[in-house]
Protein backbone atom coordinates (compact mmCIF):
# COMPACT_ATOMS: atom_id res chain seq x y z
CA MET A 1 -14.33 24.06 5.14
CA ALA A 2 -15.25 20.68 6.64
CA MET A 3 -16.33 18.03 4.15
CA LYS A 4 -19.84 16.60 4.24
CA LYS A 5 -19.61 12.93 5.25
CA PHE A 6 -22.19 10.29 6.08
CA ILE A 7 -21.03 9.11 9.48
CA ASN A 8 -22.66 8.33 12.81
CA ASP A 9 -20.70 8.48 16.07
CA PRO A 10 -17.09 9.49 15.27
CA ASP A 11 -15.90 7.42 18.23
CA ASN A 12 -17.44 4.30 16.71
CA LEU A 13 -16.47 5.01 13.11
CA VAL A 14 -13.93 2.20 12.66
CA ASN A 15 -16.16 -0.44 14.26
CA GLU A 16 -18.98 0.45 11.88
CA LEU A 17 -16.61 0.73 8.92
CA LEU A 18 -15.31 -2.80 9.52
CA ALA A 19 -18.82 -4.18 10.03
CA GLY A 20 -19.91 -2.76 6.69
CA PHE A 21 -16.71 -3.90 4.99
CA VAL A 22 -17.17 -7.56 5.94
CA LEU A 23 -20.87 -7.38 4.99
CA ALA A 24 -19.87 -6.23 1.51
CA HIS A 25 -17.20 -8.94 1.10
CA ALA A 26 -18.48 -11.79 3.27
CA ASN A 27 -17.29 -14.40 0.78
CA LYS A 28 -13.70 -13.17 1.17
CA VAL A 29 -13.18 -11.62 4.62
CA ALA A 30 -14.47 -11.84 8.19
CA LEU A 31 -13.73 -10.31 11.59
CA ALA A 32 -11.93 -12.27 14.31
CA GLY A 33 -10.77 -11.44 17.81
CA ASN A 34 -10.27 -7.75 18.53
CA LYS A 35 -11.12 -6.23 15.12
CA LEU A 36 -8.79 -8.43 13.05
CA VAL A 37 -9.71 -8.81 9.37
CA VAL A 38 -9.09 -12.41 8.30
CA ARG A 39 -9.72 -14.59 5.26
CA THR A 40 -13.13 -16.26 5.16
CA HIS A 41 -11.40 -19.30 3.66
CA PRO A 42 -7.97 -19.64 5.35
CA LYS A 43 -5.01 -21.07 3.46
CA ALA A 44 -3.45 -24.34 4.58
CA ALA A 45 -1.51 -24.12 7.84
CA SER A 46 1.47 -25.63 6.03
CA LYS A 47 1.92 -22.36 4.10
CA VAL A 48 3.46 -19.07 5.26
CA ALA A 49 0.97 -16.52 6.60
CA VAL A 50 1.23 -12.86 5.54
CA VAL A 51 0.08 -10.17 7.99
CA THR A 52 0.03 -6.37 7.94
CA LEU A 53 -1.12 -3.43 10.07
CA GLY A 54 -2.06 0.19 9.54
CA GLY A 55 -4.54 2.96 10.17
CA SER A 56 -8.07 2.98 8.81
CA GLY A 57 -9.35 5.72 6.50
CA HIS A 58 -7.27 4.57 3.50
CA GLU A 59 -9.80 2.15 2.05
CA PRO A 60 -9.55 -0.26 0.37
CA ALA A 61 -6.09 -0.48 1.99
CA LEU A 62 -5.06 -2.30 3.95
CA SER A 63 -7.80 -4.76 4.82
CA GLY A 64 -8.93 -4.84 1.20
CA PHE A 65 -5.78 -6.86 0.46
CA VAL A 66 -6.91 -9.77 2.66
CA GLY A 67 -7.81 -12.88 0.71
CA GLU A 68 -6.52 -15.70 -1.44
CA GLY A 69 -3.08 -14.92 -2.86
CA MET A 70 -2.41 -11.88 -0.67
CA LEU A 71 -2.88 -11.25 3.07
CA ASP A 72 -4.06 -13.66 5.73
CA ILE A 73 -4.71 -11.01 8.39
CA SER A 74 -4.89 -7.22 8.51
CA VAL A 75 -4.81 -5.31 11.81
CA PRO A 76 -6.65 -2.01 11.23
CA GLY A 77 -6.01 0.89 13.58
CA GLU A 78 -8.16 3.92 14.21
CA ILE A 79 -8.37 6.60 11.51
CA PHE A 80 -4.84 7.37 10.27
CA ALA A 81 -3.37 5.71 13.40
CA ALA A 82 -1.44 2.51 14.00
CA PRO A 83 -3.11 -0.20 16.08
CA GLY A 84 -1.57 -1.00 19.45
CA PRO A 85 1.04 -3.77 19.82
CA PRO A 86 -1.32 -6.12 21.71
CA ARG A 87 -3.66 -6.36 18.71
CA VAL A 88 -0.76 -6.96 16.30
CA PHE A 89 0.56 -9.65 18.65
CA GLU A 90 -2.94 -11.15 18.68
CA ALA A 91 -2.77 -11.33 14.88
CA LEU A 92 0.68 -12.94 14.95
CA LYS A 93 -0.58 -15.46 17.51
CA LEU A 94 -3.61 -16.26 15.37
CA ALA A 95 -1.43 -16.61 12.26
CA HIS A 96 1.26 -18.67 14.05
CA ARG A 97 2.21 -21.88 12.25
CA ASP A 98 5.32 -23.99 11.67
CA ALA A 99 5.78 -22.45 8.21
CA GLY A 100 6.11 -19.01 9.81
CA VAL A 101 4.62 -15.54 9.40
CA LEU A 102 5.74 -12.61 7.25
CA LEU A 103 4.82 -9.20 8.67
CA VAL A 104 4.61 -6.36 6.12
CA VAL A 105 5.05 -2.90 7.68
CA LEU A 106 4.87 0.54 6.06
CA ASN A 107 7.58 2.94 7.17
CA HIS A 108 5.58 5.28 9.39
CA GLU A 109 6.75 5.94 12.95
CA GLY A 110 3.69 4.55 14.71
CA ASP A 111 3.48 1.45 12.52
CA VAL A 112 7.19 0.70 12.91
CA MET A 113 7.12 1.11 16.70
CA THR A 114 3.99 -1.01 17.04
CA ALA A 115 5.39 -3.76 14.82
CA GLY A 116 8.68 -3.80 16.68
CA ILE A 117 7.03 -4.33 20.05
CA ALA A 118 4.68 -6.99 18.66
CA MET A 119 7.61 -8.81 17.04
CA GLU A 120 9.44 -8.87 20.37
CA MET A 121 6.35 -10.29 22.06
CA ALA A 122 6.02 -12.96 19.37
CA GLU A 123 9.67 -13.92 19.50
CA LYS A 124 9.46 -14.38 23.27
CA GLU A 125 6.72 -16.93 22.62
CA GLY A 126 8.93 -18.72 20.12
CA TYR A 127 6.89 -17.73 17.07
CA LYS A 128 8.61 -17.82 13.70
CA VAL A 129 8.07 -14.28 12.38
CA LYS A 130 10.05 -12.13 9.94
CA GLN A 131 9.40 -8.56 8.84
CA VAL A 132 9.71 -6.57 5.63
CA LEU A 133 9.59 -2.76 5.84
CA THR A 134 8.35 -0.79 2.82
CA HIS A 135 9.80 2.68 2.25
CA ASP A 136 9.11 3.62 -1.34
CA ASP A 137 8.50 7.40 -1.22
CA ILE A 138 11.26 9.06 -3.26
CA SER A 139 10.43 12.59 -2.11
CA VAL A 140 13.15 11.91 0.45
CA PRO A 141 16.09 11.56 -1.91
CA SER A 142 18.47 9.03 -0.33
CA ARG A 143 18.10 5.52 -1.73
CA GLN A 144 21.27 4.50 0.13
CA ASP A 145 19.71 5.32 3.52
CA PRO A 146 15.96 4.81 3.07
CA ARG A 147 14.99 5.03 6.74
CA ASP A 148 13.35 8.43 6.21
CA ARG A 149 11.42 7.27 3.15
CA ARG A 150 7.73 6.90 3.89
CA GLY A 151 5.76 3.81 3.01
CA LEU A 152 3.18 4.58 0.32
CA VAL A 153 1.23 2.35 -2.08
CA GLY A 154 4.31 0.18 -2.62
CA CYS A 155 3.03 -2.02 0.19
CA PHE A 156 0.41 -3.32 -2.26
CA PRO A 157 2.80 -4.92 -4.82
CA VAL A 158 4.99 -6.24 -2.00
CA ILE A 159 1.97 -7.94 -0.46
CA LYS A 160 0.91 -9.22 -3.89
CA VAL A 161 4.18 -10.96 -4.76
CA ALA A 162 4.86 -12.18 -1.20
CA GLY A 163 1.29 -13.44 -0.89
CA ALA A 164 1.54 -15.27 -4.20
CA ALA A 165 4.82 -16.87 -3.12
CA ALA A 166 3.25 -17.98 0.17
CA GLU A 167 0.21 -19.39 -1.65
CA GLN A 168 2.57 -21.43 -3.84
CA GLY A 169 4.12 -23.00 -0.74
CA LYS A 170 7.46 -21.19 -0.70
CA SER A 171 9.33 -21.05 2.60
CA LEU A 172 9.38 -18.04 4.93
CA ASP A 173 12.94 -17.20 3.86
CA GLU A 174 11.92 -17.42 0.20
CA CYS A 175 8.85 -15.22 0.75
CA LEU A 176 10.96 -12.68 2.63
CA ALA A 177 13.62 -12.63 -0.10
CA ILE A 178 10.95 -12.04 -2.77
CA ALA A 179 9.31 -9.27 -0.73
CA GLU A 180 12.66 -7.60 -0.12
CA ARG A 181 13.61 -7.83 -3.80
CA MET A 182 10.37 -6.17 -4.77
CA GLU A 183 10.92 -3.51 -2.13
CA ARG A 184 14.46 -2.76 -3.32
CA ASN A 185 13.34 -2.39 -6.93
CA MET A 186 10.34 -0.08 -6.44
CA ALA A 187 9.71 3.63 -6.01
CA THR A 188 6.66 5.85 -5.50
CA LEU A 189 6.01 9.56 -5.89
CA ALA A 190 2.77 11.31 -4.93
CA VAL A 191 1.18 14.48 -6.29
CA ALA A 192 -1.66 16.37 -4.61
CA VAL A 193 -4.00 18.99 -6.03
CA THR A 194 -6.36 19.23 -3.04
CA GLY A 195 -6.01 18.28 0.60
CA ALA A 196 -7.97 15.89 2.79
CA THR A 197 -9.97 16.18 6.00
CA HIS A 198 -10.05 13.89 9.01
CA PRO A 199 -13.38 12.02 8.83
CA SER A 200 -13.84 11.89 12.60
CA THR A 201 -13.34 15.60 13.19
CA GLY A 202 -13.84 17.25 9.80
CA SER A 203 -10.61 19.17 10.36
CA VAL A 204 -8.46 19.97 7.33
CA ILE A 205 -5.25 17.93 7.19
CA ALA A 206 -3.57 19.75 4.32
CA GLU A 207 -4.33 22.54 1.87
CA VAL A 208 -3.05 23.07 -1.66
CA PRO A 209 -3.25 26.48 -3.39
CA GLU A 210 -6.03 26.59 -5.99
CA ALA A 211 -3.86 26.81 -9.11
CA ASP A 212 -1.02 24.58 -7.90
CA MET A 213 -0.05 20.97 -7.39
CA ILE A 214 2.44 19.58 -4.88
CA VAL A 215 4.74 16.78 -6.01
CA GLY A 216 6.03 14.75 -3.07
CA MET A 217 3.00 15.08 -0.77
CA GLY A 218 2.91 12.40 1.95
CA GLN A 219 0.22 9.87 2.72
CA HIS A 220 -1.72 12.10 5.10
CA GLY A 221 -0.87 15.44 3.54
CA GLU A 222 2.62 15.69 5.00
CA ALA A 223 4.69 18.38 3.36
CA GLY A 224 6.13 17.87 -0.11
CA GLY A 225 8.76 20.10 -1.66
CA GLY A 226 7.48 20.25 -5.22
CA GLN A 227 4.83 22.98 -5.22
CA GLN A 228 4.35 24.24 -8.78
CA PRO A 229 1.60 25.37 -11.15
CA LEU A 230 -0.85 22.63 -12.10
CA LYS A 231 0.31 20.81 -15.25
CA SER A 232 -1.49 18.72 -17.88
CA ALA A 233 -1.80 14.93 -17.55
CA ASP A 234 1.08 14.28 -19.96
CA GLU A 235 3.32 16.92 -18.38
CA THR A 236 2.65 15.59 -14.87
CA ALA A 237 3.24 12.01 -16.02
CA ALA A 238 6.58 12.99 -17.54
CA ILE A 239 7.72 14.87 -14.42
CA MET A 240 6.90 11.94 -12.16
CA ILE A 241 8.05 9.01 -14.29
CA ASP A 242 11.35 10.80 -14.98
CA ALA A 243 11.93 11.12 -11.24
CA LEU A 244 10.98 7.49 -10.62
CA CYS A 245 13.20 6.18 -13.43
CA ASN A 246 16.12 8.26 -12.16
CA ASP A 247 15.66 6.87 -8.66
CA LEU A 248 15.45 3.29 -9.92
CA GLY A 249 18.29 3.69 -12.39
CA ALA A 250 15.92 2.39 -15.08
CA LYS A 251 17.45 2.18 -18.54
CA ALA A 252 16.43 1.15 -22.06
CA GLY A 253 15.24 -2.44 -22.13
CA ASP A 254 14.21 -2.57 -18.46
CA ARG A 255 10.70 -3.83 -17.72
CA LEU A 256 8.55 -1.74 -15.40
CA LEU A 257 5.36 -2.34 -13.49
CA VAL A 258 3.57 1.02 -13.21
CA MET A 259 0.61 1.73 -10.97
CA ILE A 260 -1.47 4.91 -10.80
CA ASN A 261 -3.11 4.96 -7.38
CA GLY A 262 -5.89 7.50 -7.02
CA VAL A 263 -5.91 8.90 -3.50
CA GLY A 264 -9.55 9.89 -3.15
CA SER A 265 -11.17 12.34 -5.53
CA THR A 266 -9.16 12.09 -8.74
CA THR A 267 -11.28 10.32 -11.34
CA LEU A 268 -10.42 7.17 -13.27
CA MET A 269 -10.59 9.30 -16.41
CA GLU A 270 -7.67 11.39 -15.14
CA GLN A 271 -5.77 8.32 -13.96
CA TYR A 272 -6.04 6.70 -17.38
CA LEU A 273 -4.85 9.93 -19.04
CA VAL A 274 -1.81 9.98 -16.76
CA LEU A 275 -1.09 6.30 -17.41
CA ASN A 276 -1.22 6.95 -21.14
CA GLY A 277 1.24 9.79 -20.61
CA VAL A 278 3.54 7.41 -18.74
CA LYS A 279 3.54 5.03 -21.72
CA LYS A 280 4.56 7.86 -24.04
CA ALA A 281 7.41 8.90 -21.73
CA LEU A 282 8.68 5.33 -21.30
CA ASP A 283 8.52 4.65 -25.04
CA ALA A 284 10.77 7.68 -25.58
CA LYS A 285 13.28 6.17 -23.14
CA GLY A 286 13.12 2.67 -24.62
CA ILE A 287 11.81 1.30 -21.30
CA VAL A 288 9.18 -1.43 -21.48
CA LEU A 289 5.84 -0.92 -19.72
CA ALA A 290 5.54 -4.59 -18.78
CA ARG A 291 2.45 -4.27 -16.59
CA ALA A 292 0.13 -1.36 -15.78
CA ILE A 293 -2.74 -0.84 -13.37
CA ALA A 294 -4.83 2.17 -12.34
CA GLY A 295 -7.45 2.64 -9.65
CA GLU A 296 -7.91 3.39 -5.97
CA PHE A 297 -5.90 1.04 -3.77
CA LEU A 298 -4.68 3.27 -0.93
CA THR A 299 -6.68 6.47 -0.52
CA VAL A 300 -6.62 9.51 1.77
CA GLN A 301 -10.30 10.35 2.07
CA GLU A 302 -11.18 13.06 -0.48
CA MET A 303 -7.62 14.17 -1.26
CA GLY A 304 -7.16 15.01 -4.94
CA GLY A 305 -4.14 13.63 -6.74
CA PHE A 306 -2.47 10.26 -7.14
CA GLN A 307 0.57 8.19 -6.27
CA MET A 308 2.66 6.93 -9.17
CA PHE A 309 4.45 3.66 -8.44
CA ALA A 310 7.11 2.03 -10.61
CA ALA A 311 9.14 -1.14 -10.12
CA LYS A 312 11.80 -2.92 -12.14
CA MET A 313 10.52 -6.44 -12.72
CA ASP A 314 12.18 -9.77 -13.49
CA ASP A 315 10.56 -12.98 -14.73
CA GLU A 316 9.78 -14.29 -11.23
CA LEU A 317 8.30 -11.03 -9.97
CA LEU A 318 6.15 -10.73 -13.09
CA ALA A 319 4.87 -14.29 -12.64
CA LEU A 320 4.01 -13.61 -9.00
CA TRP A 321 2.31 -10.32 -9.91
CA ASP A 322 0.24 -12.24 -12.48
CA ALA A 323 -0.59 -15.10 -10.08
CA PRO A 324 -4.24 -15.60 -9.08
CA CYS A 325 -5.67 -13.69 -6.13
CA ASN A 326 -9.15 -13.01 -4.81
CA THR A 327 -9.43 -10.04 -2.47
CA PRO A 328 -11.84 -7.10 -2.08
CA ALA A 329 -9.32 -4.76 -3.74
CA LEU A 330 -7.93 -7.01 -6.48
CA VAL A 331 -9.04 -10.13 -8.29
CA VAL A 332 -6.69 -11.93 -10.71
CA LYS A 333 -7.89 -15.15 -12.34
């Protein structure tokens, strides 16, 4: 059954979404050029710019990460669709500076193709641009060959630490190295209990049997292999954190950042219950929960479930995670 949604013309949905978004956060973000979301108060041109791209419909991601200490520009596509290369090139041109630009890309076919073409266009113009690709979804098992691993909410911590490094005046190579270190040391696993619909059409994207949950569901309801009876918060937390720790090779004494990312209709109450279950499971392993966060950062309309993210942290990554930022999706003082 199609969900009830307050929309106007489906063909104009993203334009109106962005207009409302910048109205709500006018002190942090604005629109520039062809639907580019930029900082209201740009950072100094002597510092590295951080840019990303991705489909709309996942609010607050990705444009909600624009602001002090995180992104300089976000290039939003249509609902669940990558923007075209010309608009990404426009963003790279707008961000161009001697310090260089770091482009953060989630590993989805359309995003990767778009970014690749835009990078080629920028390089032909002599722009100094480097790219980091996030592929944190462990439902595809191979860590040695992560090309098939989808980009999930892991883009958020990568943007946070890279953006903090850029704000501190680190070089492009330093920002890239920090982003890549974060990317290598992180993993995400998603669980779904209900599917989502496409807001423009009302069509169902994915369905989950009433009494079941699916561990390993993709960002837009792509198939996951872990269909099983619905478990309690603690049981689900244990299943997922065990898988994440195994993937990361986490051992007693390691320090983890853990994020519970609600994907649409799962309440904060449930997210906090799951996070508490994670702490119990980590305590039993002797692993330190160094930082924890819960909330909606990258959603999939009204999908029920959450993404659990974990990353092994060192002193520098923790300091960058804790560094100040001021964006629609996250404020750290």
